[in-house]
């Protein structure tokens, strides 16, 4: 009897158990579906995040490459700027040196110009002096005196027999002394000039021509007080004429010495 009650009770509980198991199964199936859905959603999110990370990494890599390129360009620009500054400094130094050289050259040119101007002025002064001496000689010796100007020099000429008897020997005649005195006054009036006495020979006897010129030069020095350092004598080939010339000319030695010193400085 008890067994029957138990069977009846089991039969009554069986649907309930079946319903319970079905409900539990349905609940489990629903949860599994939800889990699968959640898993798919998580997988989708993971893929999206992975793509974002990959994109971010790619962007970072490109940024790093761009930054390296920019840094390289900056370095090149810095090097170019340094080179430019160096060149500018070199150019400034060279320009300064060139300017200094130009100034030195201009100063040298100005000094040389002044020296040349001094030489030109000296030559012009000699020409003016020659005209003054010529005028003085004409006034002192007379208009008929054989006086001429050649290359800035005043030349007073006379035949040999004017100074020496028959044009021979080396002793100056008394008659020529007043003439020499007048010439000495002309020379004394121009103390910066030098004197050259030249004996001209047409026979080639230059030793005799030199002796006659020397005799006349010594007389100017001893008898008429002309400074000896400014008087010289020489014998020359006169070609077809014989004469004795007294040349009053610039003191070339002093002039050239001064010009030489100026050029050295």
C-alpha atoms as a PDB file:
ATOM      1  CA  UNK A   1       0.000   0.000   0.000  1.00  0.00           C
ATOM      2  CA  UNK A   2       2.781   2.262   0.825  1.00  0.00           C
ATOM      3  CA  UNK A   3       4.490   1.332  -2.403  1.00  0.00           C
ATOM      4  CA  UNK A   4       1.485   2.263  -4.368  1.00  0.00           C
ATOM      5  CA  UNK A   5       1.301   5.597  -2.671  1.00  0.00           C
ATOM      6  CA  UNK A   6       4.870   6.137  -3.494  1.00  0.00           C
ATOM      7  CA  UNK A   7       4.334   5.285  -7.161  1.00  0.00           C
ATOM      8  CA  UNK A   8       1.332   7.578  -7.296  1.00  0.00           C
ATOM      9  CA  UNK A   9       3.371  10.301  -5.726  1.00  0.00           C
ATOM     10  CA  UNK A  10       6.232   9.760  -8.186  1.00  0.00           C
ATOM     11  CA  UNK A  11       3.840   9.962 -11.112  1.00  0.00           C
ATOM     12  CA  UNK A  12       2.546  13.245  -9.826  1.00  0.00           C
ATOM     13  CA  UNK A  13       6.040  14.612  -9.383  1.00  0.00           C
ATOM     14  CA  UNK A  14       7.358  13.383 -12.737  1.00  0.00           C
ATOM     15  CA  UNK A  15       5.798  16.179 -14.843  1.00  0.00           C
ATOM     16  CA  UNK A  16       7.052  18.641 -12.390  1.00  0.00           C
ATOM     17  CA  UNK A  17      10.533  17.185 -12.634  1.00  0.00           C
ATOM     18  CA  UNK A  18      10.319  17.092 -16.414  1.00  0.00           C
ATOM     19  CA  UNK A  19       9.169  20.729 -16.444  1.00  0.00           C
ATOM     20  CA  UNK A  20      11.926  21.620 -14.054  1.00  0.00           C
ATOM     21  CA  UNK A  21      14.540  19.894 -16.166  1.00  0.00           C
ATOM     22  CA  UNK A  22      13.146  21.484 -19.323  1.00  0.00           C
ATOM     23  CA  UNK A  23      13.061  24.873 -17.692  1.00  0.00           C
ATOM     24  CA  UNK A  24      16.592  24.410 -16.486  1.00  0.00           C
ATOM     25  CA  UNK A  25      17.599  23.258 -19.962  1.00  0.00           C
ATOM     26  CA  UNK A  26      15.930  26.227 -21.537  1.00  0.00           C
ATOM     27  CA  UNK A  27      17.588  28.496 -19.043  1.00  0.00           C
ATOM     28  CA  UNK A  28      20.933  26.910 -19.758  1.00  0.00           C
ATOM     29  CA  UNK A  29      20.372  27.214 -23.515  1.00  0.00           C
ATOM     30  CA  UNK A  30      19.419  30.845 -23.118  1.00  0.00           C
ATOM     31  CA  UNK A  31      22.482  31.558 -21.006  1.00  0.00           C
ATOM     32  CA  UNK A  32      24.687  29.760 -23.543  1.00  0.00           C
ATOM     33  CA  UNK A  33      23.232  31.822 -26.342  1.00  0.00           C
ATOM     34  CA  UNK A  34      23.785  34.963 -24.346  1.00  0.00           C
ATOM     35  CA  UNK A  35      27.323  33.900 -23.590  1.00  0.00           C
ATOM     36  CA  UNK A  36      27.976  33.210 -27.263  1.00  0.00           C
ATOM     37  CA  UNK A  37      26.494  36.585 -28.161  1.00  0.00           C
ATOM     38  CA  UNK A  38      28.579  38.294 -25.490  1.00  0.00           C
ATOM     39  CA  UNK A  39      31.640  36.432 -26.708  1.00  0.00           C
ATOM     40  CA  UNK A  40      31.010  37.614 -30.292  1.00  0.00           C
ATOM     41  CA  UNK A  41      30.537  41.155 -29.056  1.00  0.00           C
ATOM     42  CA  UNK A  42      33.741  40.993 -27.033  1.00  0.00           C
ATOM     43  CA  UNK A  43      35.549  39.548 -30.022  1.00  0.00           C
ATOM     44  CA  UNK A  44      34.239  42.409 -32.213  1.00  0.00           C
ATOM     45  CA  UNK A  45      35.355  44.945 -29.628  1.00  0.00           C
ATOM     46  CA  UNK A  46      38.726  43.255 -29.360  1.00  0.00           C
ATOM     47  CA  UNK A  47      39.127  43.385 -33.148  1.00  0.00           C
ATOM     48  CA  UNK A  48      38.164  47.074 -33.163  1.00  0.00           C
ATOM     49  CA  UNK A  49      40.603  47.852 -30.377  1.00  0.00           C
ATOM     50  CA  UNK A  50      43.289  45.828 -32.170  1.00  0.00           C
ATOM     51  CA  UNK A  51      42.655  47.802 -35.356  1.00  0.00           C
ATOM     52  CA  UNK A  52      42.784  51.060 -33.420  1.00  0.00           C
ATOM     53  CA  UNK A  53      46.020  50.013 -31.762  1.00  0.00           C
ATOM     54  CA  UNK A  54      47.460  48.992 -35.152  1.00  0.00           C
ATOM     55  CA  UNK A  55      46.360  52.302 -36.673  1.00  0.00           C
ATOM     56  CA  UNK A  56      47.813  54.184 -33.721  1.00  0.00           C
ATOM     57  CA  UNK A  57      51.065  52.267 -34.006  1.00  0.00           C
ATOM     58  CA  UNK A  58      51.201  52.995 -37.773  1.00  0.00           C
ATOM     59  CA  UNK A  59      50.528  56.669 -37.112  1.00  0.00           C
ATOM     60  CA  UNK A  60      53.180  56.706 -34.427  1.00  0.00           C
ATOM     61  CA  UNK A  61      55.662  55.064 -36.785  1.00  0.00           C
ATOM     62  CA  UNK A  62      54.868  57.586 -39.516  1.00  0.00           C
ATOM     63  CA  UNK A  63      55.195  60.384 -36.972  1.00  0.00           C
ATOM     64  CA  UNK A  64      58.547  59.043 -35.838  1.00  0.00           C
ATOM     65  CA  UNK A  65      59.749  58.823 -39.472  1.00  0.00           C
ATOM     66  CA  UNK A  66      58.442  62.342 -40.148  1.00  0.00           C
ATOM     67  CA  UNK A  67      60.121  63.575 -36.965  1.00  0.00           C
ATOM     68  CA  UNK A  68      63.401  61.968 -38.069  1.00  0.00           C
ATOM     69  CA  UNK A  69      63.061  63.606 -41.505  1.00  0.00           C
ATOM     70  CA  UNK A  70      62.316  66.961 -39.903  1.00  0.00           C
ATOM     71  CA  UNK A  71      65.259  66.551 -37.528  1.00  0.00           C
ATOM     72  CA  UNK A  72      67.479  65.688 -40.487  1.00  0.00           C
ATOM     73  CA  UNK A  73      66.264  68.788 -42.332  1.00  0.00           C
ATOM     74  CA  UNK A  74      66.832  70.904 -39.219  1.00  0.00           C
ATOM     75  CA  UNK A  75      70.366  69.505 -38.918  1.00  0.00           C
ATOM     76  CA  UNK A  76      71.036  70.242 -42.614  1.00  0.00           C
ATOM     77  CA  UNK A  77      69.662  73.766 -42.207  1.00  0.00           C
ATOM     78  CA  UNK A  78      71.809  74.286 -39.109  1.00  0.00           C
ATOM     79  CA  UNK A  79      74.892  73.071 -40.998  1.00  0.00           C
ATOM     80  CA  UNK A  80      74.014  75.267 -43.984  1.00  0.00           C
ATOM     81  CA  UNK A  81      73.460  78.234 -41.678  1.00  0.00           C
ATOM     82  CA  UNK A  82      76.796  77.609 -39.947  1.00  0.00           C
ATOM     83  CA  UNK A  83      78.531  77.381 -43.344  1.00  0.00           C
ATOM     84  CA  UNK A  84      76.790  80.567 -44.468  1.00  0.00           C
ATOM     85  CA  UNK A  85      77.860  82.385 -41.303  1.00  0.00           C
ATOM     86  CA  UNK A  86      81.411  81.137 -41.768  1.00  0.00           C
ATOM     87  CA  UNK A  87      81.403  82.310 -45.381  1.00  0.00           C
ATOM     88  CA  UNK A  88      79.932  85.657 -44.360  1.00  0.00           C
ATOM     89  CA  UNK A  89      82.619  86.065 -41.714  1.00  0.00           C
ATOM     90  CA  UNK A  90      85.282  85.098 -44.257  1.00  0.00           C
ATOM     91  CA  UNK A  91      83.767  87.505 -46.772  1.00  0.00           C
ATOM     92  CA  UNK A  92      83.646  90.256 -44.150  1.00  0.00           C
ATOM     93  CA  UNK A  93      87.281  89.595 -43.232  1.00  0.00           C
ATOM     94  CA  UNK A  94      88.261  89.484 -46.911  1.00  0.00           C
ATOM     95  CA  UNK A  95      86.248  92.613 -47.612  1.00  0.00           C
ATOM     96  CA  UNK A  96      87.937  94.339 -44.707  1.00  0.00           C
ATOM     97  CA  UNK A  97      91.336  93.174 -45.941  1.00  0.00           C
ATOM     98  CA  UNK A  98      90.515  94.295 -49.490  1.00  0.00           C
ATOM     99  CA  UNK A  99      89.328  97.634 -48.147  1.00  0.00           C
ATOM    100  CA  UNK A 100      92.554  97.959 -46.186  1.00  0.00           C
ATOM    101  CA  UNK A 101      94.600  96.967 -49.255  1.00  0.00           C
ATOM    102  CA  UNK A 102      92.676  99.448 -51.392  1.00  0.00           C
ATOM    103  CA  UNK A 103      93.299 102.183 -48.838  1.00  0.00           C
ATOM    104  CA  UNK A 104      96.994 101.280 -48.766  1.00  0.00           C
ATOM    105  CA  UNK A 105      97.095 101.240 -52.573  1.00  0.00           C
ATOM    106  CA  UNK A 106      95.336 104.601 -52.734  1.00  0.00           C
ATOM    107  CA  UNK A 107      97.760 106.004 -50.167  1.00  0.00           C
ATOM    108  CA  UNK A 108     100.686 104.626 -52.197  1.00  0.00           C
ATOM    109  CA  UNK A 109      99.239 106.060 -55.405  1.00  0.00           C
ATOM    110  CA  UNK A 110      98.734 109.413 -53.738  1.00  0.00           C
ATOM    111  CA  UNK A 111     102.317 109.322 -52.466  1.00  0.00           C
ATOM    112  CA  UNK A 112     103.623 108.321 -55.911  1.00  0.00           C
ATOM    113  CA  UNK A 113     101.462 111.014 -57.492  1.00  0.00           C
ATOM    114  CA  UNK A 114     102.950 113.552 -55.100  1.00  0.00           C
ATOM    115  CA  UNK A 115     106.439 112.289 -55.972  1.00  0.00           C
ATOM    116  CA  UNK A 116     105.739 112.464 -59.698  1.00  0.00           C
ATOM    117  CA  UNK A 117     104.182 115.885 -59.223  1.00  0.00           C
ATOM    118  CA  UNK A 118     107.363 116.913 -57.432  1.00  0.00           C
ATOM    119  CA  UNK A 119     109.449 115.619 -60.324  1.00  0.00           C
ATOM    120  CA  UNK A 120     107.205 117.314 -62.894  1.00  0.00           C
ATOM    121  CA  UNK A 121     107.258 120.513 -60.876  1.00  0.00           C
ATOM    122  CA  UNK A 122     111.043 120.206 -60.665  1.00  0.00           C
ATOM    123  CA  UNK A 123     111.328 119.804 -64.433  1.00  0.00           C
ATOM    124  CA  UNK A 124     108.934 122.700 -64.991  1.00  0.00           C
ATOM    125  CA  UNK A 125     110.941 124.767 -62.512  1.00  0.00           C
ATOM    126  CA  UNK A 126     114.135 123.918 -64.406  1.00  0.00           C
ATOM    127  CA  UNK A 127     112.528 125.040 -67.662  1.00  0.00           C
ATOM    128  CA  UNK A 128     111.439 128.283 -66.033  1.00  0.00           C
ATOM    129  CA  UNK A 129     114.914 128.737 -64.572  1.00  0.00           C
ATOM    130  CA  UNK A 130     116.445 128.157 -68.016  1.00  0.00           C
ATOM    131  CA  UNK A 131     114.299 130.965 -69.440  1.00  0.00           C
ATOM    132  CA  UNK A 132     115.357 133.261 -66.593  1.00  0.00           C
ATOM    133  CA  UNK A 133     119.050 132.400 -67.137  1.00  0.00           C
ATOM    134  CA  UNK A 134     118.695 132.906 -70.891  1.00  0.00           C
ATOM    135  CA  UNK A 135     117.162 136.338 -70.345  1.00  0.00           C
ATOM    136  CA  UNK A 136     119.864 137.218 -67.836  1.00  0.00           C
ATOM    137  CA  UNK A 137     122.596 135.984 -70.217  1.00  0.00           C
ATOM    138  CA  UNK A 138     121.248 138.053 -73.094  1.00  0.00           C
ATOM    139  CA  UNK A 139     121.098 141.125 -70.872  1.00  0.00           C
ATOM    140  CA  UNK A 140     124.563 140.546 -69.417  1.00  0.00           C
ATOM    141  CA  UNK A 141     126.441 139.325 -72.489  1.00  0.00           C
ATOM    142  CA  UNK A 142     124.561 141.244 -75.158  1.00  0.00           C
ATOM    143  CA  UNK A 143     122.109 140.260 -77.825  1.00  0.00           C
ATOM    144  CA  UNK A 144     124.876 139.031 -80.120  1.00  0.00           C
ATOM    145  CA  UNK A 145     126.157 136.482 -77.635  1.00  0.00           C
ATOM    146  CA  UNK A 146     125.942 132.866 -78.797  1.00  0.00           C
ATOM    147  CA  UNK A 147     123.470 131.671 -76.204  1.00  0.00           C
ATOM    148  CA  UNK A 148     120.895 128.967 -76.694  1.00  0.00           C
ATOM    149  CA  UNK A 149     118.590 126.744 -74.655  1.00  0.00           C
ATOM    150  CA  UNK A 150     118.656 122.967 -75.116  1.00  0.00           C
ATOM    151  CA  UNK A 151     116.810 120.406 -72.918  1.00  0.00           C
ATOM    152  CA  UNK A 152     116.451 122.868 -70.059  1.00  0.00           C
ATOM    153  CA  UNK A 153     120.104 123.961 -70.213  1.00  0.00           C
ATOM    154  CA  UNK A 154     121.539 127.325 -71.234  1.00  0.00           C
ATOM    155  CA  UNK A 155     124.622 126.927 -73.439  1.00  0.00           C
ATOM    156  CA  UNK A 156     127.072 129.781 -74.041  1.00  0.00           C
ATOM    157  CA  UNK A 157     129.417 129.025 -76.958  1.00  0.00           C
ATOM    158  CA  UNK A 158     132.557 130.694 -78.295  1.00  0.00           C
ATOM    159  CA  UNK A 159     135.305 129.658 -80.689  1.00  0.00           C
ATOM    160  CA  UNK A 160     138.574 128.335 -79.276  1.00  0.00           C
ATOM    161  CA  UNK A 161     140.581 131.355 -80.420  1.00  0.00           C
ATOM    162  CA  UNK A 162     138.285 133.551 -78.302  1.00  0.00           C
ATOM    163  CA  UNK A 163     139.723 131.929 -75.183  1.00  0.00           C
ATOM    164  CA  UNK A 164     143.135 130.670 -76.362  1.00  0.00           C
ATOM    165  CA  UNK A 165     145.747 132.284 -78.594  1.00  0.00           C
ATOM    166  CA  UNK A 166     145.219 130.893 -82.080  1.00  0.00           C
ATOM    167  CA  UNK A 167     142.908 128.363 -80.478  1.00  0.00           C
ATOM    168  CA  UNK A 168     145.899 126.422 -79.192  1.00  0.00           C
ATOM    169  CA  UNK A 169     147.172 125.527 -75.738  1.00  0.00           C
ATOM    170  CA  UNK A 170     145.209 125.668 -72.509  1.00  0.00           C
ATOM    171  CA  UNK A 171     146.131 129.127 -71.155  1.00  0.00           C
ATOM    172  CA  UNK A 172     143.155 131.485 -71.155  1.00  0.00           C
ATOM    173  CA  UNK A 173     143.860 134.870 -72.762  1.00  0.00           C
ATOM    174  CA  UNK A 174     143.505 138.055 -70.740  1.00  0.00           C
ATOM    175  CA  UNK A 175     140.991 139.349 -73.262  1.00  0.00           C
ATOM    176  CA  UNK A 176     138.580 136.535 -72.362  1.00  0.00           C
ATOM    177  CA  UNK A 177     138.634 137.186 -68.621  1.00  0.00           C
ATOM    178  CA  UNK A 178     136.058 140.047 -68.586  1.00  0.00           C
ATOM    179  CA  UNK A 179     133.752 137.714 -70.517  1.00  0.00           C
ATOM    180  CA  UNK A 180     134.288 134.944 -67.987  1.00  0.00           C
ATOM    181  CA  UNK A 181     133.598 137.380 -65.177  1.00  0.00           C
ATOM    182  CA  UNK A 182     130.229 138.222 -66.694  1.00  0.00           C
ATOM    183  CA  UNK A 183     129.439 134.520 -67.055  1.00  0.00           C
ATOM    184  CA  UNK A 184     130.451 133.931 -63.417  1.00  0.00           C
ATOM    185  CA  UNK A 185     127.904 136.573 -62.347  1.00  0.00           C
ATOM    186  CA  UNK A 186     125.214 134.784 -64.307  1.00  0.00           C
ATOM    187  CA  UNK A 187     126.211 131.516 -62.597  1.00  0.00           C
ATOM    188  CA  UNK A 188     126.311 133.119 -59.147  1.00  0.00           C
ATOM    189  CA  UNK A 189     122.784 134.449 -59.672  1.00  0.00           C
ATOM    190  CA  UNK A 190     121.603 130.843 -60.051  1.00  0.00           C
ATOM    191  CA  UNK A 191     123.263 128.940 -57.184  1.00  0.00           C
ATOM    192  CA  UNK A 192     121.133 125.822 -57.659  1.00  0.00           C
ATOM    193  CA  UNK A 193     122.469 125.279 -61.168  1.00  0.00           C
ATOM    194  CA  UNK A 194     125.482 123.171 -62.128  1.00  0.00           C
ATOM    195  CA  UNK A 195     128.132 124.016 -64.738  1.00  0.00           C
ATOM    196  CA  UNK A 196     129.659 121.809 -67.414  1.00  0.00           C
ATOM    197  CA  UNK A 197     132.529 123.173 -69.533  1.00  0.00           C
ATOM    198  CA  UNK A 198     132.926 121.206 -72.765  1.00  0.00           C
ATOM    199  CA  UNK A 199     135.824 121.372 -75.208  1.00  0.00           C
ATOM    200  CA  UNK A 200     134.746 120.411 -78.744  1.00  0.00           C
ATOM    201  CA  UNK A 201     137.355 119.017 -81.131  1.00  0.00           C
ATOM    202  CA  UNK A 202     136.987 118.171 -84.794  1.00  0.00           C
ATOM    203  CA  UNK A 203     140.358 116.420 -84.991  1.00  0.00           C
ATOM    204  CA  UNK A 204     139.621 113.775 -82.403  1.00  0.00           C
ATOM    205  CA  UNK A 205     142.216 115.119 -79.953  1.00  0.00           C
ATOM    206  CA  UNK A 206     139.912 114.856 -76.970  1.00  0.00           C
ATOM    207  CA  UNK A 207     142.760 115.106 -74.473  1.00  0.00           C
ATOM    208  CA  UNK A 208     143.534 118.644 -75.701  1.00  0.00           C
ATOM    209  CA  UNK A 209     139.811 119.503 -75.715  1.00  0.00           C
ATOM    210  CA  UNK A 210     139.533 118.248 -72.121  1.00  0.00           C
ATOM    211  CA  UNK A 211     142.637 120.214 -71.030  1.00  0.00           C
ATOM    212  CA  UNK A 212     141.201 123.454 -72.462  1.00  0.00           C
ATOM    213  CA  UNK A 213     137.785 122.825 -70.816  1.00  0.00           C
ATOM    214  CA  UNK A 214     139.494 122.038 -67.489  1.00  0.00           C
ATOM    215  CA  UNK A 215     141.593 125.238 -67.674  1.00  0.00           C
ATOM    216  CA  UNK A 216     138.458 127.327 -68.131  1.00  0.00           C
ATOM    217  CA  UNK A 217     136.627 125.453 -65.341  1.00  0.00           C
ATOM    218  CA  UNK A 218     139.532 125.992 -62.920  1.00  0.00           C
ATOM    219  CA  UNK A 219     139.507 129.694 -63.635  1.00  0.00           C
ATOM    220  CA  UNK A 220     135.772 129.914 -62.847  1.00  0.00           C
ATOM    221  CA  UNK A 221     136.429 128.175 -59.532  1.00  0.00           C
ATOM    222  CA  UNK A 222     139.684 129.897 -58.443  1.00  0.00           C
ATOM    223  CA  UNK A 223     139.287 133.362 -59.916  1.00  0.00           C
ATOM    224  CA  UNK A 224     135.519 133.866 -59.747  1.00  0.00           C
ATOM    225  CA  UNK A 225     134.484 131.820 -56.700  1.00  0.00           C
ATOM    226  CA  UNK A 226     132.210 129.315 -58.381  1.00  0.00           C
ATOM    227  CA  UNK A 227     131.621 126.272 -56.132  1.00  0.00           C
ATOM    228  CA  UNK A 228     133.939 123.503 -57.322  1.00  0.00           C
ATOM    229  CA  UNK A 229     131.516 120.622 -56.635  1.00  0.00           C
ATOM    230  CA  UNK A 230     129.127 122.067 -59.200  1.00  0.00           C
ATOM    231  CA  UNK A 231     131.669 122.506 -62.002  1.00  0.00           C
ATOM    232  CA  UNK A 232     132.811 119.710 -64.333  1.00  0.00           C
ATOM    233  CA  UNK A 233     134.808 119.558 -67.568  1.00  0.00           C
ATOM    234  CA  UNK A 234     134.870 117.170 -70.506  1.00  0.00           C
ATOM    235  CA  UNK A 235     136.316 116.793 -74.000  1.00  0.00           C
ATOM    236  CA  UNK A 236     133.927 115.952 -76.817  1.00  0.00           C
ATOM    237  CA  UNK A 237     133.975 115.215 -80.540  1.00  0.00           C
ATOM    238  CA  UNK A 238     132.671 118.397 -82.147  1.00  0.00           C
ATOM    239  CA  UNK A 239     132.155 116.906 -85.560  1.00  0.00           C
ATOM    240  CA  UNK A 240     132.910 119.687 -88.020  1.00  0.00           C
ATOM    241  CA  UNK A 241     133.382 122.440 -85.482  1.00  0.00           C
ATOM    242  CA  UNK A 242     135.726 123.432 -82.699  1.00  0.00           C
ATOM    243  CA  UNK A 243     134.423 125.484 -79.798  1.00  0.00           C
ATOM    244  CA  UNK A 244     134.264 125.790 -76.073  1.00  0.00           C
ATOM    245  CA  UNK A 245     130.845 125.652 -74.401  1.00  0.00           C
ATOM    246  CA  UNK A 246     129.796 126.700 -70.917  1.00  0.00           C
ATOM    247  CA  UNK A 247     126.547 124.919 -70.073  1.00  0.00           C
ATOM    248  CA  UNK A 248     124.448 126.142 -67.160  1.00  0.00           C
ATOM    249  CA  UNK A 249     122.045 123.355 -66.341  1.00  0.00           C
ATOM    250  CA  UNK A 250     120.051 121.892 -63.429  1.00  0.00           C
ATOM    251  CA  UNK A 251     122.031 120.020 -60.793  1.00  0.00           C
ATOM    252  CA  UNK A 252     121.008 116.631 -62.133  1.00  0.00           C
ATOM    253  CA  UNK A 253     122.851 114.652 -59.465  1.00  0.00           C
ATOM    254  CA  UNK A 254     121.058 116.452 -56.667  1.00  0.00           C
ATOM    255  CA  UNK A 255     117.753 116.358 -58.548  1.00  0.00           C
ATOM    256  CA  UNK A 256     117.933 112.608 -59.245  1.00  0.00           C
ATOM    257  CA  UNK A 257     119.140 111.863 -55.712  1.00  0.00           C
ATOM    258  CA  UNK A 258     116.149 113.714 -54.287  1.00  0.00           C
ATOM    259  CA  UNK A 259     113.776 112.002 -56.712  1.00  0.00           C
ATOM    260  CA  UNK A 260     115.312 108.620 -55.853  1.00  0.00           C
ATOM    261  CA  UNK A 261     114.870 109.218 -52.132  1.00  0.00           C
ATOM    262  CA  UNK A 262     111.274 110.286 -52.688  1.00  0.00           C
ATOM    263  CA  UNK A 263     110.557 107.127 -54.676  1.00  0.00           C
ATOM    264  CA  UNK A 264     112.150 104.940 -51.987  1.00  0.00           C
ATOM    265  CA  UNK A 265     109.922 106.506 -49.379  1.00  0.00           C
END
